Amino acid sequence: MAKTEKTSILLKDKNLEDVATKDSAPLLSESKNLSDLEQSEEEIYQTVTIDYIMNKQRFGLFHCLIIIVCGLCYSGHAIFYQAIGFITITASDLVINADNHFWLSFSFTIGIIFGSGLLGSLGDVFGRRRIILASLAINLITTLVSVFAYNYTMLVVLTAINGLGFSGIISNVHSYAIEFFSRDYRGWALACVTSISILGSIFSTVLAALTLNYRFHVPVGQIYFTSWRLYLILCSLPILAGFCSLLFMPNSLRHTLRKGNTEKIVQISEKITRINSFVKRGSRSDNYKYITLSHSYLAKTHINGTNLTQEYQITHKLCDHSRKFKETPWHKRAWLLLIVWFGYSFTAHGLLMWLPSLLTYYVNGNTCRSVNHASKNLPWNRNYMIIFNGSEYLDNRDSKLSSALTRIMLSNILSIPLTLSCILLVGRNGRKGLFCTISIGCGIIVLLIWLIDSSMSAMILVCFFVAFSMNGWIPFTVWTTELFPTEIRSTALGIFNAIGHIGTLCGTIVFPLLFYIDCTASLLLYCIALLVAGIVAIYIQDTVNVDIG
């Protein structure tokens, strides 16, 4: 009764109450009039769902801001990961050589692996926005401290902590964003959030070209403030912008509805209406219609004899998430997605790191099918130097930096047309079909590199591989986010991101180990991983026009 009384207080205007009641009419019958609705209130309570409430929200300025804010937060991961490669080349004041250069990216990946599952689960318990803000704060503080790192060991440790912070962002930001959008817009919105990371990569590359080529040394205490330290500060600007913007954004709608907090539901809906009203006046009635439906959903839970708030406190403990994954159909989806995430990350990220070395191998006149590597008892991280005729990893830093900048910028520019196509197609042709096509296509590209086996073909095919593999994450991330209900969505994303980064780590380590022994086996292994990921994904349900809970 308390919720019913509060509803009547909120809907003081009888006209607004009539509008809100009429809006619920499709739940019952198209032919029912207002008098019929007044006699069927309990039937409305029994049929209202979270998805129906969300589908009643109109797209406006608020939703555009959510896409931008979440995109800024998510792009920080791509920016920092790319910055690691540039720092490894340009940090001449730190002792970085062929024996230890790998530890920087390794520590970053390890931090993500250990943090993703935990912070994803915490996002389901305490709310996505809180965990994202805490993770952003960790990133900003750690990055600032990293700027004043006085040796390489300190930088490696801080990079691991940075990875821990980014794990909370990548595990929760898509869950947070999707829960504000209706069925018609959620695929397109999440595709935009993911694609902003490509713009982040371009931003990072432009910054590198503007700062890293300009060498200076300013003594600050026991360190020298050099160009790579300035570059690291500038790379944190999108993260800072995302953090400041997110402070003014509301908590997740679906998560709050599942929690059953009536007061917060009203506050969130009013904030959405206020922001949308900046560009469209006279939409206040939409707010009250939303409040009416929210109360209908809460009333439905009480009719069924369920106290939603107490249930939330019990079932959303960290140890209880595993039980949800054992239920149908989440159990099957989880196992299939574990295979897909590992296989796609194994090649899309693992091989991506070694593509410059692969190109250098072909440019030096070598081919895969005609080479016979002699077995030598050397550390795995030095094998690639012999293959590619490199004397020392960090020799000729300026030429390496210039080559890296050119290569990354070109790849990002080539990816933009495909990115726009993925955004348009992800809601029209389905997430599953688009991802399976890209994954299998990337596998065929890797196979063609081995079959054609020439320098020119390798250069062309590598460009296509980079463009397609980067954009494969757009439908894949949208799809994974929609496959699980609100109460375990961030937990699922956290687990899959951890598995994906384990695949990335394995793919990164396997290449120098296997390529030195047998180039053919190496390329075929990466090809098979992509083909398996694309084929296994076929057996998972698509989520276009499906209620996600």
Protein backbone atom coordinates (compact mmCIF):
# COMPACT_ATOMS: atom_id res chain seq x y z
CA MET A 1 0.00 0.00 0.00
CA ALA A 2 2.88 2.35 0.70
CA LYS A 3 4.07 2.22 -2.90
CA THR A 4 0.51 2.79 -4.20
CA GLU A 5 0.10 5.83 -1.96
CA LYS A 6 3.46 7.23 -3.10
CA THR A 7 2.41 6.75 -6.70
CA SER A 8 -0.75 8.76 -6.19
CA ILE A 9 1.28 11.53 -4.52
CA LEU A 10 3.65 11.69 -7.48
CA LEU A 11 0.79 11.76 -9.95
CA LYS A 12 -1.07 14.72 -8.55
CA ASP A 13 -2.21 15.92 -11.94
CA LYS A 14 -5.18 13.80 -12.98
CA ASN A 15 -4.47 14.43 -16.66
CA LEU A 16 -0.93 13.10 -16.27
CA GLU A 17 -2.27 10.07 -14.42
CA ASP A 18 -4.69 9.36 -17.26
CA VAL A 19 -1.89 9.67 -19.81
CA ALA A 20 0.30 7.27 -17.85
CA THR A 21 -2.56 4.77 -17.49
CA LYS A 22 -3.41 4.94 -21.17
CA ASP A 23 0.21 4.26 -22.03
CA SER A 24 -0.05 0.92 -20.24
CA ALA A 25 -3.00 -0.14 -22.39
CA PRO A 26 -1.00 -2.25 -24.89
CA LEU A 27 -0.15 -4.59 -22.03
CA LEU A 28 -3.79 -5.69 -21.89
CA SER A 29 -5.53 -5.25 -25.19
CA GLU A 30 -5.63 -2.73 -28.00
CA SER A 31 -9.42 -2.52 -27.71
CA LYS A 32 -9.71 -1.80 -23.98
CA ASN A 33 -10.70 1.70 -22.91
CA LEU A 34 -9.85 3.70 -19.81
CA SER A 35 -12.69 2.29 -17.71
CA ASP A 36 -11.51 -1.24 -18.47
CA LEU A 37 -7.98 -0.32 -17.34
CA GLU A 38 -9.23 1.01 -14.02
CA GLN A 39 -10.79 -2.42 -13.35
CA SER A 40 -7.69 -4.36 -14.45
CA GLU A 41 -4.93 -2.80 -12.35
CA GLU A 42 -3.82 -6.15 -10.98
CA GLU A 43 -3.52 -7.55 -14.51
CA ILE A 44 -1.19 -4.64 -15.40
CA TYR A 45 0.96 -5.40 -12.38
CA GLN A 46 1.26 -9.02 -13.45
CA THR A 47 2.39 -8.23 -17.01
CA VAL A 48 4.77 -5.26 -16.66
CA THR A 49 8.46 -6.23 -17.09
CA ILE A 50 11.76 -4.40 -16.88
CA ASP A 51 12.11 -4.58 -20.65
CA TYR A 52 8.69 -3.01 -21.18
CA ILE A 53 9.58 -0.18 -18.81
CA MET A 54 12.88 0.41 -20.60
CA ASN A 55 11.28 0.31 -24.04
CA LYS A 56 9.01 3.18 -22.98
CA GLN A 57 11.99 5.49 -22.57
CA ARG A 58 12.53 7.90 -25.46
CA PHE A 59 15.99 8.43 -26.93
CA GLY A 60 17.30 11.91 -26.15
CA LEU A 61 20.25 14.05 -25.15
CA PHE A 62 20.85 11.99 -22.00
CA HIS A 63 21.43 8.82 -24.02
CA CYS A 64 23.89 10.61 -26.30
CA LEU A 65 25.81 11.75 -23.21
CA ILE A 66 25.86 8.20 -21.82
CA ILE A 67 27.43 6.95 -25.07
CA ILE A 68 30.11 9.65 -24.98
CA VAL A 69 30.91 9.27 -21.26
CA CYS A 70 31.09 5.46 -21.39
CA GLY A 71 33.12 5.67 -24.60
CA LEU A 72 35.66 7.96 -22.93
CA CYS A 73 35.98 5.56 -20.01
CA TYR A 74 36.31 2.51 -22.25
CA SER A 75 38.80 4.13 -24.62
CA GLY A 76 41.29 4.53 -21.77
CA HIS A 77 42.09 0.81 -22.00
CA ALA A 78 43.11 1.06 -25.67
CA ILE A 79 45.00 4.31 -25.09
CA PHE A 80 47.05 2.95 -22.20
CA TYR A 81 47.77 -0.39 -23.86
CA GLN A 82 49.09 1.42 -26.92
CA ALA A 83 51.05 3.83 -24.72
CA ILE A 84 52.90 0.86 -23.21
CA GLY A 85 54.43 0.05 -26.60
CA PHE A 86 55.56 3.63 -27.14
CA ILE A 87 56.99 3.92 -23.62
CA THR A 88 58.99 0.73 -24.09
CA ILE A 89 60.69 2.29 -27.12
CA THR A 90 61.18 5.85 -25.84
CA ALA A 91 61.87 5.55 -22.08
CA SER A 92 65.63 5.89 -22.50
CA ASP A 93 66.10 7.00 -18.89
CA LEU A 94 64.87 3.60 -17.66
CA VAL A 95 66.83 0.38 -18.08
CA ILE A 96 64.67 -1.37 -20.72
CA ASN A 97 66.26 -4.03 -22.90
CA ALA A 98 65.44 -7.22 -24.79
CA ASP A 99 65.39 -9.22 -21.55
CA ASN A 100 62.82 -7.16 -19.65
CA HIS A 101 60.78 -5.12 -22.18
CA PHE A 102 58.00 -7.73 -22.19
CA TRP A 103 57.24 -7.32 -18.48
CA LEU A 104 55.44 -4.00 -18.93
CA SER A 105 52.64 -5.37 -21.13
CA PHE A 106 52.73 -8.64 -19.18
CA SER A 107 52.04 -6.90 -15.85
CA PHE A 108 49.22 -4.89 -17.40
CA THR A 109 47.54 -8.05 -18.67
CA ILE A 110 48.01 -9.85 -15.35
CA GLY A 111 46.36 -6.96 -13.52
CA ILE A 112 43.33 -7.20 -15.81
CA ILE A 113 43.11 -10.99 -15.42
CA PHE A 114 43.06 -10.86 -11.61
CA GLY A 115 40.75 -7.86 -11.37
CA SER A 116 38.08 -8.57 -13.99
CA GLY A 117 36.14 -11.33 -12.22
CA LEU A 118 36.22 -9.64 -8.82
CA LEU A 119 35.31 -6.12 -9.95
CA GLY A 120 32.66 -7.49 -12.31
CA SER A 121 30.97 -9.25 -9.40
CA LEU A 122 31.23 -6.13 -7.26
CA GLY A 123 29.51 -4.21 -10.05
CA ASP A 124 26.51 -6.53 -9.78
CA VAL A 125 26.43 -6.13 -6.00
CA PHE A 126 27.10 -2.42 -5.45
CA GLY A 127 26.20 -0.97 -8.84
CA ARG A 128 28.16 -0.46 -12.04
CA ARG A 129 28.65 3.30 -11.68
CA ARG A 130 30.32 3.05 -8.26
CA ILE A 131 32.82 0.45 -9.45
CA ILE A 132 33.59 2.39 -12.64
CA LEU A 133 34.23 5.58 -10.65
CA ALA A 134 36.48 3.71 -8.20
CA SER A 135 38.37 2.09 -11.08
CA LEU A 136 38.82 5.43 -12.85
CA ALA A 137 40.16 6.94 -9.63
CA ILE A 138 42.70 4.09 -9.38
CA ASN A 139 43.79 4.69 -12.98
CA LEU A 140 44.19 8.44 -12.55
CA ILE A 141 46.19 8.15 -9.31
CA THR A 142 48.35 5.30 -10.60
CA THR A 143 49.08 7.06 -13.89
CA LEU A 144 50.11 10.21 -12.05
CA VAL A 145 52.47 8.22 -9.83
CA SER A 146 53.81 6.34 -12.90
CA VAL A 147 54.87 9.66 -14.40
CA PHE A 148 57.41 9.97 -11.57
CA ALA A 149 58.60 6.34 -11.63
CA TYR A 150 62.35 6.36 -10.90
CA ASN A 151 63.11 2.88 -12.26
CA TYR A 152 61.64 0.20 -14.49
CA THR A 153 60.57 -2.10 -11.65
CA MET A 154 58.42 0.64 -10.13
CA LEU A 155 56.80 1.30 -13.51
CA VAL A 156 56.01 -2.41 -13.98
CA VAL A 157 54.31 -2.63 -10.56
CA LEU A 158 52.28 0.52 -11.19
CA THR A 159 51.26 -0.78 -14.61
CA ALA A 160 49.87 -3.93 -12.96
CA ILE A 161 47.78 -1.74 -10.63
CA ASN A 162 46.63 0.24 -13.67
CA GLY A 163 45.53 -3.02 -15.27
CA LEU A 164 43.55 -3.81 -12.13
CA GLY A 165 41.77 -0.47 -12.46
CA PHE A 166 40.99 -0.94 -16.13
CA SER A 167 39.55 -4.39 -15.39
CA GLY A 168 36.77 -2.71 -13.42
CA ILE A 169 36.01 -0.43 -16.35
CA ILE A 170 35.88 -3.04 -19.11
CA SER A 171 33.81 -5.35 -16.87
CA ASN A 172 31.16 -2.77 -16.00
CA VAL A 173 31.02 0.02 -18.57
CA HIS A 174 28.98 -1.91 -21.16
CA SER A 175 26.62 -3.22 -18.48
CA TYR A 176 26.14 0.33 -17.27
CA ALA A 177 25.55 1.79 -20.74
CA ILE A 178 23.18 -0.85 -22.07
CA GLU A 179 20.80 -0.56 -19.13
CA PHE A 180 19.63 2.91 -20.18
CA PHE A 181 18.58 1.96 -23.71
CA SER A 182 15.50 0.40 -25.23
CA ARG A 183 15.58 -2.64 -27.48
CA ASP A 184 15.72 -0.53 -30.65
CA TYR A 185 18.80 1.46 -29.62
CA ARG A 186 20.90 -0.73 -27.32
CA GLY A 187 22.88 -2.50 -30.08
CA TRP A 188 23.70 0.71 -31.87
CA ALA A 189 24.57 2.49 -28.60
CA LEU A 190 26.98 -0.20 -27.36
CA ALA A 191 28.58 -0.39 -30.80
CA CYS A 192 29.29 3.35 -30.56
CA VAL A 193 30.75 2.93 -27.06
CA THR A 194 33.12 0.20 -28.26
CA SER A 195 34.10 2.02 -31.45
CA ILE A 196 35.19 5.12 -29.52
CA SER A 197 38.24 3.09 -28.46
CA ILE A 198 39.46 3.33 -32.08
CA LEU A 199 39.24 7.11 -31.80
CA GLY A 200 41.18 6.74 -28.54
CA SER A 201 43.92 4.88 -30.41
CA ILE A 202 44.12 7.66 -32.98
CA PHE A 203 44.27 10.21 -30.14
CA SER A 204 47.13 8.27 -28.53
CA THR A 205 49.04 8.04 -31.81
CA VAL A 206 48.68 11.76 -32.55
CA LEU A 207 49.89 12.57 -29.03
CA ALA A 208 52.87 10.29 -29.50
CA ALA A 209 53.78 12.00 -32.76
CA LEU A 210 53.53 15.44 -31.13
CA THR A 211 55.37 14.69 -27.88
CA LEU A 212 57.67 11.67 -28.19
CA ASN A 213 59.57 13.00 -31.20
CA TYR A 214 60.41 16.12 -29.20
CA ARG A 215 63.19 15.12 -26.79
CA PHE A 216 63.86 17.06 -23.59
CA HIS A 217 65.23 16.29 -20.11
CA VAL A 218 64.17 18.38 -17.12
CA PRO A 219 65.62 17.29 -13.75
CA VAL A 220 62.93 16.74 -11.09
CA GLY A 221 64.42 15.37 -7.88
CA GLN A 222 65.99 11.99 -8.62
CA ILE A 223 64.42 11.65 -12.06
CA TYR A 224 64.42 13.45 -15.38
CA PHE A 225 61.04 14.64 -16.66
CA THR A 226 61.20 13.51 -20.30
CA SER A 227 58.84 13.33 -23.27
CA TRP A 228 57.38 9.92 -22.39
CA ARG A 229 56.31 11.19 -18.98
CA LEU A 230 54.51 14.15 -20.57
CA TYR A 231 52.93 11.75 -23.06
CA LEU A 232 51.61 9.58 -20.22
CA ILE A 233 49.98 12.60 -18.53
CA LEU A 234 48.26 13.66 -21.76
CA CYS A 235 47.02 10.10 -22.35
CA SER A 236 45.07 10.28 -19.07
CA LEU A 237 42.97 13.26 -20.23
CA PRO A 238 40.12 11.12 -21.73
CA ILE A 239 40.01 9.12 -18.48
CA LEU A 240 39.84 12.32 -16.46
CA ALA A 241 37.05 13.65 -18.70
CA GLY A 242 35.12 10.39 -18.32
CA PHE A 243 35.55 10.43 -14.54
CA CYS A 244 34.33 14.03 -14.17
CA SER A 245 31.35 13.44 -16.47
CA LEU A 246 30.34 10.19 -14.77
CA LEU A 247 30.07 12.00 -11.43
CA PHE A 248 26.94 13.73 -12.77
CA MET A 249 25.39 10.64 -14.34
CA PRO A 250 22.77 8.53 -12.49
CA ASN A 251 23.09 4.92 -11.40
CA SER A 252 22.08 2.08 -13.72
CA LEU A 253 18.33 1.91 -14.41
CA ARG A 254 17.88 -1.84 -14.76
CA HIS A 255 20.13 -2.50 -11.78
CA THR A 256 18.08 -0.07 -9.65
CA LEU A 257 14.82 -1.65 -10.81
CA ARG A 258 16.06 -5.09 -9.83
CA LYS A 259 17.09 -3.72 -6.46
CA GLY A 260 13.57 -2.33 -5.99
CA ASN A 261 14.53 1.06 -4.55
CA THR A 262 11.50 3.21 -5.40
CA GLU A 263 13.01 6.52 -4.32
CA LYS A 264 16.12 6.06 -6.49
CA ILE A 265 14.03 4.99 -9.47
CA VAL A 266 12.16 8.28 -9.26
CA GLN A 267 15.41 10.27 -8.92
CA ILE A 268 16.99 8.57 -11.94
CA SER A 269 13.95 9.04 -14.16
CA GLU A 270 13.69 12.71 -13.17
CA LYS A 271 17.37 13.29 -14.00
CA ILE A 272 16.92 11.67 -17.40
CA THR A 273 13.90 13.88 -18.09
CA ARG A 274 15.72 17.05 -17.00
CA ILE A 275 18.66 16.36 -19.32
CA ASN A 276 16.43 15.43 -22.24
CA SER A 277 14.32 18.55 -21.70
CA PHE A 278 17.31 20.76 -22.61
CA VAL A 279 16.65 19.99 -26.27
CA LYS A 280 12.98 19.01 -26.11
CA ARG A 281 10.42 20.81 -24.01
CA GLY A 282 7.12 19.50 -22.76
CA SER A 283 8.29 15.93 -22.08
CA ARG A 284 7.57 15.93 -18.35
CA SER A 285 4.64 13.55 -18.77
CA ASP A 286 7.05 10.86 -20.01
CA ASN A 287 8.70 11.01 -16.60
CA TYR A 288 5.45 10.28 -14.82
CA LYS A 289 4.54 7.50 -17.22
CA TYR A 290 7.91 5.93 -16.45
CA ILE A 291 7.31 6.27 -12.70
CA THR A 292 3.89 4.63 -13.08
CA LEU A 293 5.37 1.66 -14.91
CA SER A 294 8.19 1.38 -12.36
CA HIS A 295 5.67 1.16 -9.55
CA SER A 296 3.71 -1.38 -11.54
CA TYR A 297 6.81 -3.55 -11.78
CA LEU A 298 7.47 -3.27 -8.05
CA ALA A 299 3.82 -3.99 -7.27
CA LYS A 300 4.01 -7.10 -9.42
CA THR A 301 6.79 -8.49 -7.26
CA HIS A 302 4.70 -7.98 -4.13
CA ILE A 303 1.68 -9.66 -5.72
CA ASN A 304 3.85 -12.69 -6.37
CA GLY A 305 4.82 -12.71 -2.70
CA THR A 306 8.42 -11.65 -3.25
CA ASN A 307 10.25 -8.99 -1.26
CA LEU A 308 12.64 -7.74 -3.95
CA THR A 309 14.86 -5.70 -1.65
CA GLN A 310 15.54 -8.64 0.70
CA GLU A 311 16.02 -10.98 -2.25
CA TYR A 312 18.59 -8.55 -3.69
CA GLN A 313 20.54 -8.51 -0.44
CA ILE A 314 20.66 -12.31 -0.32
CA THR A 315 21.23 -13.38 -3.94
CA HIS A 316 23.71 -10.67 -4.94
CA LYS A 317 26.53 -11.79 -2.71
CA LEU A 318 29.77 -12.66 -4.44
CA CYS A 319 29.53 -16.41 -3.82
CA ASP A 320 25.96 -16.65 -5.14
CA HIS A 321 26.77 -15.67 -8.71
CA SER A 322 28.17 -19.11 -9.51
CA ARG A 323 24.79 -20.68 -8.80
CA LYS A 324 23.11 -18.45 -11.37
CA PHE A 325 25.54 -19.61 -14.06
CA LYS A 326 24.51 -23.22 -13.41
CA GLU A 327 20.95 -22.45 -14.45
CA THR A 328 19.54 -22.88 -17.97
CA PRO A 329 20.35 -21.28 -20.43
CA TRP A 330 23.20 -19.37 -18.76
CA HIS A 331 25.22 -22.54 -18.15
CA LYS A 332 25.48 -23.46 -21.85
CA ARG A 333 26.07 -19.87 -22.94
CA ALA A 334 28.86 -19.39 -20.43
CA TRP A 335 30.82 -22.45 -21.54
CA LEU A 336 30.46 -21.68 -25.24
CA LEU A 337 31.46 -18.04 -24.70
CA LEU A 338 34.54 -19.10 -22.74
CA ILE A 339 35.75 -20.94 -25.85
CA VAL A 340 34.89 -18.05 -28.15
CA TRP A 341 36.51 -15.37 -25.96
CA PHE A 342 39.71 -17.39 -25.53
CA GLY A 343 40.01 -18.33 -29.20
CA TYR A 344 39.29 -14.88 -30.57
CA SER A 345 41.55 -13.10 -28.07
CA PHE A 346 44.32 -15.65 -28.66
CA THR A 347 44.70 -14.46 -32.27
CA ALA A 348 43.02 -11.02 -32.45
CA HIS A 349 45.25 -9.69 -29.66
CA GLY A 350 48.01 -12.30 -29.34
CA LEU A 351 49.03 -12.31 -33.01
CA LEU A 352 48.34 -8.58 -33.38
CA MET A 353 51.34 -7.74 -31.20
CA TRP A 354 53.69 -9.76 -33.42
CA LEU A 355 52.44 -8.59 -36.83
CA PRO A 356 55.26 -6.00 -37.22
CA SER A 357 57.79 -8.77 -36.58
CA LEU A 358 56.00 -11.04 -39.05
CA LEU A 359 56.13 -8.34 -41.72
CA THR A 360 59.82 -7.75 -41.00
CA TYR A 361 60.40 -11.47 -41.45
CA TYR A 362 58.86 -11.39 -44.93
CA VAL A 363 60.53 -8.09 -45.90
CA ASN A 364 63.91 -9.65 -45.11
CA GLY A 365 63.28 -12.18 -47.88
CA ASN A 366 62.13 -15.12 -45.74
CA THR A 367 59.08 -17.33 -46.32
CA CYS A 368 57.26 -19.74 -44.05
CA ARG A 369 57.16 -22.90 -46.15
CA SER A 370 60.80 -22.82 -47.27
CA VAL A 371 62.57 -21.92 -44.04
CA ASN A 372 64.19 -24.47 -41.77
CA HIS A 373 64.92 -23.11 -38.32
CA ALA A 374 67.73 -24.68 -36.37
CA SER A 375 66.91 -25.51 -32.80
CA LYS A 376 68.87 -23.43 -30.34
CA ASN A 377 68.74 -23.40 -26.59
CA LEU A 378 67.84 -19.72 -26.07
CA PRO A 379 65.34 -17.86 -23.89
CA TRP A 380 61.94 -17.56 -25.59
CA ASN A 381 61.98 -13.76 -25.56
CA ARG A 382 65.17 -13.72 -27.66
CA ASN A 383 64.04 -16.18 -30.33
CA TYR A 384 62.35 -13.54 -32.46
CA MET A 385 65.55 -11.45 -32.65
CA ILE A 386 67.35 -14.23 -34.54
CA ILE A 387 64.38 -14.85 -36.83
CA PHE A 388 64.12 -11.22 -37.87
CA ASN A 389 67.86 -10.50 -38.00
CA GLY A 390 67.78 -7.93 -35.24
CA SER A 391 70.98 -7.26 -33.33
CA GLU A 392 69.43 -5.54 -30.33
CA TYR A 393 65.80 -4.90 -29.53
CA LEU A 394 66.10 -1.24 -28.67
CA ASP A 395 68.69 -0.16 -31.22
CA ASN A 396 67.72 2.78 -33.42
CA ARG A 397 64.87 4.01 -31.22
CA ASP A 398 63.89 6.89 -33.48
CA SER A 399 63.36 4.73 -36.55
CA LYS A 400 61.37 2.18 -34.50
CA LEU A 401 59.17 4.94 -33.09
CA SER A 402 58.55 6.45 -36.52
CA SER A 403 57.70 3.04 -37.96
CA ALA A 404 55.33 2.23 -35.09
CA LEU A 405 53.54 5.58 -35.39
CA THR A 406 53.05 5.17 -39.13
CA ARG A 407 51.86 1.59 -38.85
CA ILE A 408 49.34 2.23 -36.06
CA MET A 409 47.95 5.40 -37.63
CA LEU A 410 47.46 3.67 -40.98
CA SER A 411 45.72 0.69 -39.36
CA ASN A 412 43.36 2.94 -37.40
CA ILE A 413 42.46 5.01 -40.46
CA LEU A 414 41.73 1.88 -42.49
CA SER A 415 39.54 0.60 -39.66
CA ILE A 416 37.22 3.63 -39.59
CA PRO A 417 35.07 2.71 -42.67
CA LEU A 418 34.63 -0.82 -41.35
CA THR A 419 33.79 0.57 -37.91
CA LEU A 420 30.97 2.68 -39.35
CA SER A 421 29.69 -0.36 -41.24
CA CYS A 422 29.68 -2.47 -38.06
CA ILE A 423 27.73 0.20 -36.17
CA LEU A 424 25.08 0.26 -38.90
CA LEU A 425 24.91 -3.52 -39.32
CA VAL A 426 25.01 -4.65 -35.70
CA GLY A 427 21.34 -3.85 -35.17
CA ARG A 428 20.15 -4.81 -38.64
CA ASN A 429 21.88 -8.10 -39.46
CA GLY A 430 22.38 -9.37 -35.92
CA ARG A 431 25.31 -9.56 -33.55
CA LYS A 432 25.96 -13.26 -34.06
CA GLY A 433 26.04 -13.18 -37.85
CA LEU A 434 28.35 -10.17 -37.96
CA PHE A 435 30.79 -11.56 -35.40
CA CYS A 436 30.92 -15.05 -36.94
CA THR A 437 31.58 -13.53 -40.36
CA ILE A 438 34.45 -11.39 -39.03
CA SER A 439 36.00 -14.19 -36.95
CA ILE A 440 35.93 -16.75 -39.77
CA GLY A 441 37.07 -14.07 -42.23
CA CYS A 442 40.08 -13.22 -40.05
CA GLY A 443 40.94 -16.92 -39.86
CA ILE A 444 40.89 -17.14 -43.66
CA ILE A 445 43.14 -14.05 -43.89
CA VAL A 446 45.74 -15.70 -41.62
CA LEU A 447 45.51 -18.86 -43.76
CA LEU A 448 46.05 -16.80 -46.92
CA ILE A 449 49.20 -15.26 -45.43
CA TRP A 450 50.64 -18.78 -45.21
CA LEU A 451 49.26 -20.00 -48.56
CA ILE A 452 50.43 -17.05 -50.70
CA ASP A 453 53.62 -16.71 -48.67
CA SER A 454 55.11 -13.56 -50.19
CA SER A 455 56.18 -10.17 -48.90
CA MET A 456 53.61 -8.11 -50.86
CA SER A 457 50.67 -10.37 -50.00
CA ALA A 458 51.65 -10.40 -46.32
CA MET A 459 51.67 -6.60 -46.17
CA ILE A 460 48.21 -6.34 -47.79
CA LEU A 461 46.63 -9.15 -45.79
CA VAL A 462 48.02 -7.86 -42.49
CA CYS A 463 46.25 -4.53 -43.06
CA PHE A 464 42.96 -6.36 -43.64
CA PHE A 465 43.53 -8.54 -40.58
CA VAL A 466 44.11 -5.53 -38.31
CA ALA A 467 41.01 -3.71 -39.61
CA PHE A 468 38.69 -6.72 -39.29
CA SER A 469 40.01 -8.10 -35.99
CA MET A 470 39.77 -4.72 -34.25
CA ASN A 471 36.17 -4.23 -35.38
CA GLY A 472 35.16 -7.76 -34.47
CA TRP A 473 34.98 -6.59 -30.87
CA ILE A 474 32.05 -4.29 -31.71
CA PRO A 475 29.39 -6.99 -32.33
CA PHE A 476 31.09 -9.40 -29.93
CA THR A 477 30.98 -7.04 -26.95
CA VAL A 478 27.38 -6.02 -27.65
CA TRP A 479 26.36 -9.64 -28.00
CA THR A 480 28.06 -10.84 -24.82
CA THR A 481 26.54 -7.99 -22.80
CA GLU A 482 23.01 -8.87 -23.94
CA LEU A 483 23.30 -12.62 -23.38
CA PHE A 484 23.05 -12.42 -19.58
CA PRO A 485 20.45 -10.84 -17.27
CA THR A 486 21.02 -7.73 -15.19
CA GLU A 487 21.84 -9.48 -11.93
CA ILE A 488 24.91 -11.30 -13.35
CA ARG A 489 25.75 -9.16 -16.41
CA SER A 490 28.90 -7.51 -15.05
CA THR A 491 30.05 -10.75 -13.45
CA ALA A 492 29.79 -12.49 -16.82
CA LEU A 493 31.68 -9.73 -18.61
CA GLY A 494 34.36 -9.81 -15.91
CA ILE A 495 34.87 -13.56 -16.28
CA PHE A 496 34.99 -13.42 -20.06
CA ASN A 497 37.42 -10.49 -20.07
CA ALA A 498 39.68 -12.45 -17.72
CA ILE A 499 39.54 -15.50 -20.01
CA GLY A 500 40.08 -13.28 -23.04
CA HIS A 501 43.21 -11.72 -21.55
CA ILE A 502 44.51 -15.17 -20.62
CA GLY A 503 44.06 -16.02 -24.30
CA THR A 504 45.91 -12.82 -25.21
CA LEU A 505 48.77 -13.75 -22.91
CA CYS A 506 48.99 -17.26 -24.35
CA GLY A 507 48.88 -15.96 -27.91
CA THR A 508 51.63 -13.47 -27.16
CA ILE A 509 53.92 -16.09 -25.64
CA VAL A 510 53.21 -18.87 -28.15
CA PHE A 511 54.29 -16.91 -31.23
CA PRO A 512 58.04 -16.57 -30.47
CA LEU A 513 58.12 -20.09 -29.07
CA LEU A 514 56.42 -21.82 -32.00
CA PHE A 515 57.35 -19.52 -34.87
CA TYR A 516 61.06 -20.10 -34.22
CA ILE A 517 60.52 -23.83 -34.53
CA ASP A 518 57.90 -23.97 -37.31
CA CYS A 519 56.43 -20.90 -38.99
CA THR A 520 53.70 -22.95 -40.69
CA ALA A 521 52.48 -24.50 -37.46
CA SER A 522 52.39 -21.07 -35.82
CA LEU A 523 50.18 -19.44 -38.47
CA LEU A 524 47.91 -22.47 -38.75
CA LEU A 525 47.38 -22.50 -34.98
CA TYR A 526 46.20 -18.88 -35.00
CA CYS A 527 44.00 -19.60 -38.00
CA ILE A 528 42.36 -22.58 -36.27
CA ALA A 529 41.71 -20.53 -33.11
CA LEU A 530 39.74 -17.95 -35.10
CA LEU A 531 37.82 -20.55 -37.09
CA VAL A 532 36.87 -22.45 -33.92
CA ALA A 533 35.70 -19.21 -32.25
CA GLY A 534 33.52 -18.33 -35.25
CA ILE A 535 32.03 -21.82 -35.58
CA VAL A 536 31.30 -22.26 -31.85
CA ALA A 537 29.62 -18.84 -31.78
CA ILE A 538 27.03 -20.12 -34.28
CA TYR A 539 25.51 -22.29 -31.54
CA ILE A 540 24.81 -19.32 -29.23
CA GLN A 541 21.51 -17.46 -29.43
CA ASP A 542 21.40 -14.10 -31.16
CA THR A 543 20.03 -11.17 -29.13
CA VAL A 544 18.47 -8.86 -31.74
CA ASN A 545 14.95 -7.85 -30.62
CA VAL A 546 15.18 -10.12 -27.57
CA ASP A 547 14.32 -9.06 -24.03
CA ILE A 548 17.50 -9.07 -21.93
CA GLY A 549 16.00 -8.83 -18.42
